[in-house]
Amino acid sequence: METTSRVGARTVAPGMSGAESGSGGAAPEDGSEGVPARRRAADGYLRASFPWYGLDAAFTGPRWLMQVGTGADGTVEHGATGHGDEPSVKVETGTEERERFAVVVTVASNPVRRSGDGTGVLEATSVSSAAWLAGSGLLSFTWPSQLDHSLRDDWLDQQTETAWELADDLEGPAWSRLSLPVDGVPMPFHYRETEFGWVLAGATPGGMPLGAYGRGLSAYGLGFAVIEDIRTYA
């Protein structure tokens, strides 16, 4: 799972540029300044050239948008959709028991291609890409209550490196296998549990990488399906 650089590993997935929309900071440059954030978020998803996935109709709880990841040229490369309670960073013991959520990560199927600056080649997206995005996504809502705030960056760097290594070794002992339906078709997934939640990585019947992470909801009972209208999540 080689990439052109490990710099910025906290946000850059294998085969991904790492740029994200909806991440705050400067005002949007696409003329959307003044447009409600939820509307801008939906617009980002609508720019994708691939279908988005979420939990299937068996899940009847709340659904919500998160954010999309884009390449250097603005092309949407991946994104996530949320289900259940909108999670907050775990800062107190017991927070994770109050939150029941599952996030589905859809990754575009991309062949090997040039990096945005033209200086290297990015690896094709794969199930490992989905595993990395799901693992790092779970970390973004995790903060061990015994840690001092000043130590969180060190902890996050260490855990992010571990998530990267685990995504690169899907056949290793940290992962088990389970079969879950995707568009009604049983598909194999890699699965691992942590003290902060669980992570899944697999693919759609068409071969598009698909990941998921969550807490409070059992991964074993989930099913995935293409989202007919992403605006229903906004």
C-alpha atoms as a PDB file:
ATOM      1  CA  MET A   1       0.000   0.000   0.000  1.00  0.00           C
ATOM      2  CA  GLU A   2       2.699   2.418  -1.014  1.00  0.00           C
ATOM      3  CA  THR A   3       1.979   6.105  -1.583  1.00  0.00           C
ATOM      4  CA  THR A   4       4.123   8.999  -2.702  1.00  0.00           C
ATOM      5  CA  SER A   5       4.424  10.327   0.840  1.00  0.00           C
ATOM      6  CA  ARG A   6       3.589   9.493   4.435  1.00  0.00           C
ATOM      7  CA  VAL A   7       3.539  13.185   5.334  1.00  0.00           C
ATOM      8  CA  GLY A   8       0.129  14.081   6.684  1.00  0.00           C
ATOM      9  CA  ALA A   9      -0.793  10.447   7.277  1.00  0.00           C
ATOM     10  CA  ARG A  10      -3.427  11.599   9.727  1.00  0.00           C
ATOM     11  CA  THR A  11      -5.692  12.675   6.877  1.00  0.00           C
ATOM     12  CA  VAL A  12      -4.350  11.067   3.671  1.00  0.00           C
ATOM     13  CA  ALA A  13      -5.656   7.624   2.791  1.00  0.00           C
ATOM     14  CA  PRO A  14      -3.892   5.130   0.520  1.00  0.00           C
ATOM     15  CA  GLY A  15      -4.426   6.263  -3.043  1.00  0.00           C
ATOM     16  CA  MET A  16      -6.047   9.491  -1.834  1.00  0.00           C
ATOM     17  CA  SER A  17      -4.978  13.109  -2.014  1.00  0.00           C
ATOM     18  CA  GLY A  18      -6.551  13.896   1.354  1.00  0.00           C
ATOM     19  CA  ALA A  19      -8.233  17.207   0.497  1.00  0.00           C
ATOM     20  CA  GLU A  20     -11.650  17.487   2.125  1.00  0.00           C
ATOM     21  CA  SER A  21     -14.640  19.711   1.619  1.00  0.00           C
ATOM     22  CA  GLY A  22     -16.685  20.938   4.517  1.00  0.00           C
ATOM     23  CA  SER A  23     -13.698  20.923   6.853  1.00  0.00           C
ATOM     24  CA  GLY A  24     -13.900  24.532   7.926  1.00  0.00           C
ATOM     25  CA  GLY A  25     -11.322  27.274   7.475  1.00  0.00           C
ATOM     26  CA  ALA A  26     -11.494  29.751   4.611  1.00  0.00           C
ATOM     27  CA  ALA A  27     -14.742  30.618   2.891  1.00  0.00           C
ATOM     28  CA  PRO A  28     -15.696  28.345  -0.023  1.00  0.00           C
ATOM     29  CA  GLU A  29     -14.246  29.283  -3.396  1.00  0.00           C
ATOM     30  CA  ASP A  30     -17.111  27.800  -5.411  1.00  0.00           C
ATOM     31  CA  GLY A  31     -19.534  30.657  -4.933  1.00  0.00           C
ATOM     32  CA  SER A  32     -21.392  28.881  -2.127  1.00  0.00           C
ATOM     33  CA  GLU A  33     -20.526  31.379   0.615  1.00  0.00           C
ATOM     34  CA  GLY A  34     -23.711  32.217   2.477  1.00  0.00           C
ATOM     35  CA  VAL A  35     -25.349  28.900   1.545  1.00  0.00           C
ATOM     36  CA  PRO A  36     -26.317  26.812   4.606  1.00  0.00           C
ATOM     37  CA  ALA A  37     -23.649  24.282   5.566  1.00  0.00           C
ATOM     38  CA  ARG A  38     -26.014  21.325   5.133  1.00  0.00           C
ATOM     39  CA  ARG A  39     -26.828  22.504   1.596  1.00  0.00           C
ATOM     40  CA  ARG A  40     -23.122  22.850   0.758  1.00  0.00           C
ATOM     41  CA  ALA A  41     -22.510  19.365   2.148  1.00  0.00           C
ATOM     42  CA  ALA A  42     -25.216  17.859  -0.055  1.00  0.00           C
ATOM     43  CA  ASP A  43     -23.823  19.697  -3.069  1.00  0.00           C
ATOM     44  CA  GLY A  44     -20.428  18.093  -2.455  1.00  0.00           C
ATOM     45  CA  TYR A  45     -21.942  14.624  -2.556  1.00  0.00           C
ATOM     46  CA  LEU A  46     -23.899  15.466  -5.700  1.00  0.00           C
ATOM     47  CA  ARG A  47     -20.640  16.243  -7.534  1.00  0.00           C
ATOM     48  CA  ALA A  48     -19.467  12.630  -7.190  1.00  0.00           C
ATOM     49  CA  SER A  49     -19.351  10.457 -10.311  1.00  0.00           C
ATOM     50  CA  PHE A  50     -20.054   7.283  -8.300  1.00  0.00           C
ATOM     51  CA  PRO A  51     -23.024   6.098  -6.203  1.00  0.00           C
ATOM     52  CA  TRP A  52     -23.090   6.579  -2.444  1.00  0.00           C
ATOM     53  CA  TYR A  53     -23.787   3.776   0.010  1.00  0.00           C
ATOM     54  CA  GLY A  54     -25.491   3.728   3.379  1.00  0.00           C
ATOM     55  CA  LEU A  55     -27.250   1.253   5.641  1.00  0.00           C
ATOM     56  CA  ASP A  56     -30.127  -0.556   3.971  1.00  0.00           C
ATOM     57  CA  ALA A  57     -33.838  -0.121   4.703  1.00  0.00           C
ATOM     58  CA  ALA A  58     -33.658  -2.369   7.776  1.00  0.00           C
ATOM     59  CA  PHE A  59     -32.140   0.610   9.625  1.00  0.00           C
ATOM     60  CA  THR A  60     -34.938   3.029  10.544  1.00  0.00           C
ATOM     61  CA  GLY A  61     -33.035   5.599  12.628  1.00  0.00           C
ATOM     62  CA  PRO A  62     -31.710   9.069  11.728  1.00  0.00           C
ATOM     63  CA  ARG A  63     -29.430   9.498   8.701  1.00  0.00           C
ATOM     64  CA  TRP A  64     -27.055  12.421   8.168  1.00  0.00           C
ATOM     65  CA  LEU A  65     -24.239  13.670   5.963  1.00  0.00           C
ATOM     66  CA  MET A  66     -20.642  14.021   7.058  1.00  0.00           C
ATOM     67  CA  GLN A  67     -18.129  15.211   4.448  1.00  0.00           C
ATOM     68  CA  VAL A  68     -16.505  14.269   1.164  1.00  0.00           C
ATOM     69  CA  GLY A  69     -12.825  13.961   0.264  1.00  0.00           C
ATOM     70  CA  THR A  70     -11.593  15.486  -2.990  1.00  0.00           C
ATOM     71  CA  GLY A  71      -8.494  15.227  -5.159  1.00  0.00           C
ATOM     72  CA  ALA A  72      -6.195  18.100  -6.092  1.00  0.00           C
ATOM     73  CA  ASP A  73      -8.390  18.808  -9.109  1.00  0.00           C
ATOM     74  CA  GLY A  74     -11.561  18.919  -7.033  1.00  0.00           C
ATOM     75  CA  THR A  75     -12.770  15.469  -8.061  1.00  0.00           C
ATOM     76  CA  VAL A  76     -14.733  13.749  -5.297  1.00  0.00           C
ATOM     77  CA  GLU A  77     -12.853  10.592  -4.260  1.00  0.00           C
ATOM     78  CA  HIS A  78     -14.597   9.371  -1.101  1.00  0.00           C
ATOM     79  CA  GLY A  79     -17.102  10.370   1.536  1.00  0.00           C
ATOM     80  CA  ALA A  80     -19.099   9.184   4.527  1.00  0.00           C
ATOM     81  CA  THR A  81     -22.743   8.951   5.550  1.00  0.00           C
ATOM     82  CA  GLY A  82     -23.888   8.686   9.155  1.00  0.00           C
ATOM     83  CA  HIS A  83     -26.616   6.643  10.815  1.00  0.00           C
ATOM     84  CA  GLY A  84     -27.996   6.832  14.350  1.00  0.00           C
ATOM     85  CA  ASP A  85     -26.720   9.282  16.963  1.00  0.00           C
ATOM     86  CA  GLU A  86     -24.380  11.942  15.642  1.00  0.00           C
ATOM     87  CA  PRO A  87     -21.179  11.078  17.559  1.00  0.00           C
ATOM     88  CA  SER A  88     -19.127  13.434  19.654  1.00  0.00           C
ATOM     89  CA  VAL A  89     -15.522  12.950  20.693  1.00  0.00           C
ATOM     90  CA  LYS A  90     -15.388  10.590  23.654  1.00  0.00           C
ATOM     91  CA  VAL A  91     -14.083  12.755  26.481  1.00  0.00           C
ATOM     92  CA  GLU A  92     -15.799  11.206  29.465  1.00  0.00           C
ATOM     93  CA  THR A  93     -16.132   7.637  30.615  1.00  0.00           C
ATOM     94  CA  GLY A  94     -19.448   6.257  29.419  1.00  0.00           C
ATOM     95  CA  THR A  95     -19.937   8.574  26.433  1.00  0.00           C
ATOM     96  CA  GLU A  96     -19.671   5.671  24.000  1.00  0.00           C
ATOM     97  CA  GLU A  97     -22.548   3.843  25.761  1.00  0.00           C
ATOM     98  CA  ARG A  98     -24.855   6.770  25.058  1.00  0.00           C
ATOM     99  CA  GLU A  99     -23.944   6.914  21.369  1.00  0.00           C
ATOM    100  CA  ARG A 100     -25.210   4.352  18.887  1.00  0.00           C
ATOM    101  CA  PHE A 101     -24.003   5.083  15.385  1.00  0.00           C
ATOM    102  CA  ALA A 102     -22.626   3.574  12.200  1.00  0.00           C
ATOM    103  CA  VAL A 103     -20.776   5.496   9.503  1.00  0.00           C
ATOM    104  CA  VAL A 104     -20.518   4.111   5.966  1.00  0.00           C
ATOM    105  CA  VAL A 105     -17.501   5.129   3.884  1.00  0.00           C
ATOM    106  CA  THR A 106     -17.813   4.979   0.080  1.00  0.00           C
ATOM    107  CA  VAL A 107     -14.596   5.076  -1.954  1.00  0.00           C
ATOM    108  CA  ALA A 108     -14.458   5.701  -5.703  1.00  0.00           C
ATOM    109  CA  SER A 109     -12.900   2.926  -7.787  1.00  0.00           C
ATOM    110  CA  ASN A 110      -9.836   4.636  -9.247  1.00  0.00           C
ATOM    111  CA  PRO A 111      -7.009   3.126 -11.304  1.00  0.00           C
ATOM    112  CA  VAL A 112      -3.361   3.988 -10.699  1.00  0.00           C
ATOM    113  CA  ARG A 113      -3.020   7.653 -11.610  1.00  0.00           C
ATOM    114  CA  ARG A 114      -0.714  10.657 -11.372  1.00  0.00           C
ATOM    115  CA  SER A 115      -0.617  12.650  -8.165  1.00  0.00           C
ATOM    116  CA  GLY A 116      -2.028  16.157  -8.197  1.00  0.00           C
ATOM    117  CA  ASP A 117       1.395  17.782  -8.486  1.00  0.00           C
ATOM    118  CA  GLY A 118       2.488  15.433 -11.258  1.00  0.00           C
ATOM    119  CA  THR A 119       5.539  14.211  -9.349  1.00  0.00           C
ATOM    120  CA  GLY A 120       4.444  10.655  -8.622  1.00  0.00           C
ATOM    121  CA  VAL A 121       1.885   7.915  -9.049  1.00  0.00           C
ATOM    122  CA  LEU A 122      -0.935   7.237  -6.609  1.00  0.00           C
ATOM    123  CA  GLU A 123      -1.912   3.671  -5.868  1.00  0.00           C
ATOM    124  CA  ALA A 124      -5.292   2.457  -7.073  1.00  0.00           C
ATOM    125  CA  THR A 125      -7.990   2.622  -4.433  1.00  0.00           C
ATOM    126  CA  SER A 126      -8.695  -0.724  -2.758  1.00  0.00           C
ATOM    127  CA  VAL A 127     -10.320  -2.385   0.237  1.00  0.00           C
ATOM    128  CA  SER A 128      -7.253  -1.208   2.185  1.00  0.00           C
ATOM    129  CA  SER A 129      -8.200   2.363   1.289  1.00  0.00           C
ATOM    130  CA  ALA A 130     -11.643   1.787   2.806  1.00  0.00           C
ATOM    131  CA  ALA A 131     -10.085   0.153   5.886  1.00  0.00           C
ATOM    132  CA  TRP A 132      -7.791   3.138   6.428  1.00  0.00           C
ATOM    133  CA  LEU A 133     -10.559   5.708   6.027  1.00  0.00           C
ATOM    134  CA  ALA A 134     -12.848   3.790   8.380  1.00  0.00           C
ATOM    135  CA  GLY A 135     -10.123   3.265  10.980  1.00  0.00           C
ATOM    136  CA  SER A 136      -9.040   6.894  10.975  1.00  0.00           C
ATOM    137  CA  GLY A 137     -12.686   7.988  10.993  1.00  0.00           C
ATOM    138  CA  LEU A 138     -13.335   6.098  14.209  1.00  0.00           C
ATOM    139  CA  LEU A 139     -10.275   7.743  15.757  1.00  0.00           C
ATOM    140  CA  SER A 140     -11.674  11.187  14.960  1.00  0.00           C
ATOM    141  CA  PHE A 141     -14.465  10.522  17.484  1.00  0.00           C
ATOM    142  CA  THR A 142     -12.245   8.980  20.128  1.00  0.00           C
ATOM    143  CA  TRP A 143     -10.443  10.458  23.086  1.00  0.00           C
ATOM    144  CA  PRO A 144      -9.534   8.226  26.055  1.00  0.00           C
ATOM    145  CA  SER A 145     -10.897   9.889  29.152  1.00  0.00           C
ATOM    146  CA  GLN A 146      -7.716   9.233  31.134  1.00  0.00           C
ATOM    147  CA  LEU A 147      -5.573  11.301  28.756  1.00  0.00           C
ATOM    148  CA  ASP A 148      -4.691  14.911  29.363  1.00  0.00           C
ATOM    149  CA  HIS A 149      -5.708  17.181  26.490  1.00  0.00           C
ATOM    150  CA  SER A 150      -2.070  18.011  25.804  1.00  0.00           C
ATOM    151  CA  LEU A 151      -1.318  14.338  25.140  1.00  0.00           C
ATOM    152  CA  ARG A 152      -4.122  13.703  22.658  1.00  0.00           C
ATOM    153  CA  ASP A 153      -2.043  14.643  19.596  1.00  0.00           C
ATOM    154  CA  ASP A 154       0.651  12.144  20.563  1.00  0.00           C
ATOM    155  CA  TRP A 155      -1.968   9.475  21.198  1.00  0.00           C
ATOM    156  CA  LEU A 156      -3.711  10.246  17.898  1.00  0.00           C
ATOM    157  CA  ASP A 157      -0.449  10.089  15.927  1.00  0.00           C
ATOM    158  CA  GLN A 158       0.354   6.703  17.447  1.00  0.00           C
ATOM    159  CA  GLN A 159      -3.123   5.284  16.858  1.00  0.00           C
ATOM    160  CA  THR A 160      -3.268   6.657  13.310  1.00  0.00           C
ATOM    161  CA  GLU A 161       0.003   4.929  12.458  1.00  0.00           C
ATOM    162  CA  THR A 162      -1.413   1.700  13.870  1.00  0.00           C
ATOM    163  CA  ALA A 163      -4.598   2.101  11.805  1.00  0.00           C
ATOM    164  CA  TRP A 164      -2.454   2.610   8.698  1.00  0.00           C
ATOM    165  CA  GLU A 165      -0.458  -0.553   9.373  1.00  0.00           C
ATOM    166  CA  LEU A 166      -3.606  -2.581  10.065  1.00  0.00           C
ATOM    167  CA  ALA A 167      -5.198  -1.395   6.819  1.00  0.00           C
ATOM    168  CA  ASP A 168      -2.085  -2.624   5.020  1.00  0.00           C
ATOM    169  CA  ASP A 169      -2.426  -6.124   6.522  1.00  0.00           C
ATOM    170  CA  LEU A 170      -6.035  -7.175   6.051  1.00  0.00           C
ATOM    171  CA  GLU A 171      -5.069 -10.853   6.156  1.00  0.00           C
ATOM    172  CA  GLY A 172      -3.347 -10.401   9.505  1.00  0.00           C
ATOM    173  CA  PRO A 173      -4.532 -11.640  12.909  1.00  0.00           C
ATOM    174  CA  ALA A 174      -6.127  -8.313  13.848  1.00  0.00           C
ATOM    175  CA  TRP A 175      -8.914  -8.914  11.332  1.00  0.00           C
ATOM    176  CA  SER A 176     -11.652 -11.520  11.207  1.00  0.00           C
ATOM    177  CA  ARG A 177     -14.113 -12.231   8.394  1.00  0.00           C
ATOM    178  CA  LEU A 178     -17.863 -11.902   8.182  1.00  0.00           C
ATOM    179  CA  SER A 179     -20.405 -11.784   5.380  1.00  0.00           C
ATOM    180  CA  LEU A 180     -22.823  -8.866   5.091  1.00  0.00           C
ATOM    181  CA  PRO A 181     -25.392  -8.012   2.412  1.00  0.00           C
ATOM    182  CA  VAL A 182     -24.587  -5.224  -0.044  1.00  0.00           C
ATOM    183  CA  ASP A 183     -27.482  -4.448  -2.386  1.00  0.00           C
ATOM    184  CA  GLY A 184     -28.906  -7.776  -1.263  1.00  0.00           C
ATOM    185  CA  VAL A 185     -25.797  -9.772  -2.213  1.00  0.00           C
ATOM    186  CA  PRO A 186     -23.736 -11.440   0.566  1.00  0.00           C
ATOM    187  CA  MET A 187     -20.235  -9.946   0.430  1.00  0.00           C
ATOM    188  CA  PRO A 188     -17.080 -10.737   2.456  1.00  0.00           C
ATOM    189  CA  PHE A 189     -15.849  -8.068   4.869  1.00  0.00           C
ATOM    190  CA  HIS A 190     -12.786  -7.669   7.041  1.00  0.00           C
ATOM    191  CA  TYR A 191     -13.770  -6.834  10.620  1.00  0.00           C
ATOM    192  CA  ARG A 192     -11.928  -5.744  13.738  1.00  0.00           C
ATOM    193  CA  GLU A 193     -12.965  -4.499  17.156  1.00  0.00           C
ATOM    194  CA  THR A 194     -11.262  -1.931  19.354  1.00  0.00           C
ATOM    195  CA  GLU A 195     -12.074  -0.620  22.799  1.00  0.00           C
ATOM    196  CA  PHE A 196     -13.577   2.429  21.078  1.00  0.00           C
ATOM    197  CA  GLY A 197     -15.701   0.723  18.422  1.00  0.00           C
ATOM    198  CA  TRP A 198     -15.480  -1.491  15.347  1.00  0.00           C
ATOM    199  CA  VAL A 199     -14.203  -1.159  11.776  1.00  0.00           C
ATOM    200  CA  LEU A 200     -15.325  -2.923   8.586  1.00  0.00           C
ATOM    201  CA  ALA A 201     -13.781  -2.992   5.112  1.00  0.00           C
ATOM    202  CA  GLY A 202     -15.014  -4.733   1.982  1.00  0.00           C
ATOM    203  CA  ALA A 203     -16.448  -3.963  -1.434  1.00  0.00           C
ATOM    204  CA  THR A 204     -19.718  -3.680  -3.320  1.00  0.00           C
ATOM    205  CA  PRO A 205     -20.743  -6.378  -5.825  1.00  0.00           C
ATOM    206  CA  GLY A 206     -19.347  -4.070  -8.489  1.00  0.00           C
ATOM    207  CA  GLY A 207     -15.954  -3.906  -6.777  1.00  0.00           C
ATOM    208  CA  MET A 208     -16.133  -0.395  -5.288  1.00  0.00           C
ATOM    209  CA  PRO A 209     -14.345  -0.220  -1.899  1.00  0.00           C
ATOM    210  CA  LEU A 210     -16.695   0.151   1.050  1.00  0.00           C
ATOM    211  CA  GLY A 211     -15.852   0.756   4.691  1.00  0.00           C
ATOM    212  CA  ALA A 212     -17.748   1.341   7.914  1.00  0.00           C
ATOM    213  CA  TYR A 213     -17.137   2.118  11.566  1.00  0.00           C
ATOM    214  CA  GLY A 214     -19.304   2.613  14.604  1.00  0.00           C
ATOM    215  CA  ARG A 215     -20.143   2.156  18.254  1.00  0.00           C
ATOM    216  CA  GLY A 216     -23.181   0.865  20.087  1.00  0.00           C
ATOM    217  CA  LEU A 217     -24.690  -0.840  17.016  1.00  0.00           C
ATOM    218  CA  SER A 218     -23.649  -4.406  16.247  1.00  0.00           C
ATOM    219  CA  ALA A 219     -21.735  -4.700  12.987  1.00  0.00           C
ATOM    220  CA  TYR A 220     -23.013  -8.257  12.558  1.00  0.00           C
ATOM    221  CA  GLY A 221     -26.569  -7.126  11.862  1.00  0.00           C
ATOM    222  CA  LEU A 222     -25.814  -4.465   9.270  1.00  0.00           C
ATOM    223  CA  GLY A 223     -26.674  -4.406   5.597  1.00  0.00           C
ATOM    224  CA  PHE A 224     -25.609  -1.867   2.962  1.00  0.00           C
ATOM    225  CA  ALA A 225     -27.413  -0.464  -0.051  1.00  0.00           C
ATOM    226  CA  VAL A 226     -26.893   2.233  -2.667  1.00  0.00           C
ATOM    227  CA  ILE A 227     -28.510   5.550  -1.696  1.00  0.00           C
ATOM    228  CA  GLU A 228     -31.085   6.506  -4.308  1.00  0.00           C
ATOM    229  CA  ASP A 229     -31.113  10.216  -3.367  1.00  0.00           C
ATOM    230  CA  ILE A 230     -28.288  11.519  -1.172  1.00  0.00           C
ATOM    231  CA  ARG A 231     -30.349  14.634  -0.424  1.00  0.00           C
ATOM    232  CA  THR A 232     -32.549  12.546   1.883  1.00  0.00           C
ATOM    233  CA  TYR A 233     -29.566  12.520   4.290  1.00  0.00           C
ATOM    234  CA  ALA A 234     -29.244  16.319   4.394  1.00  0.00           C
END
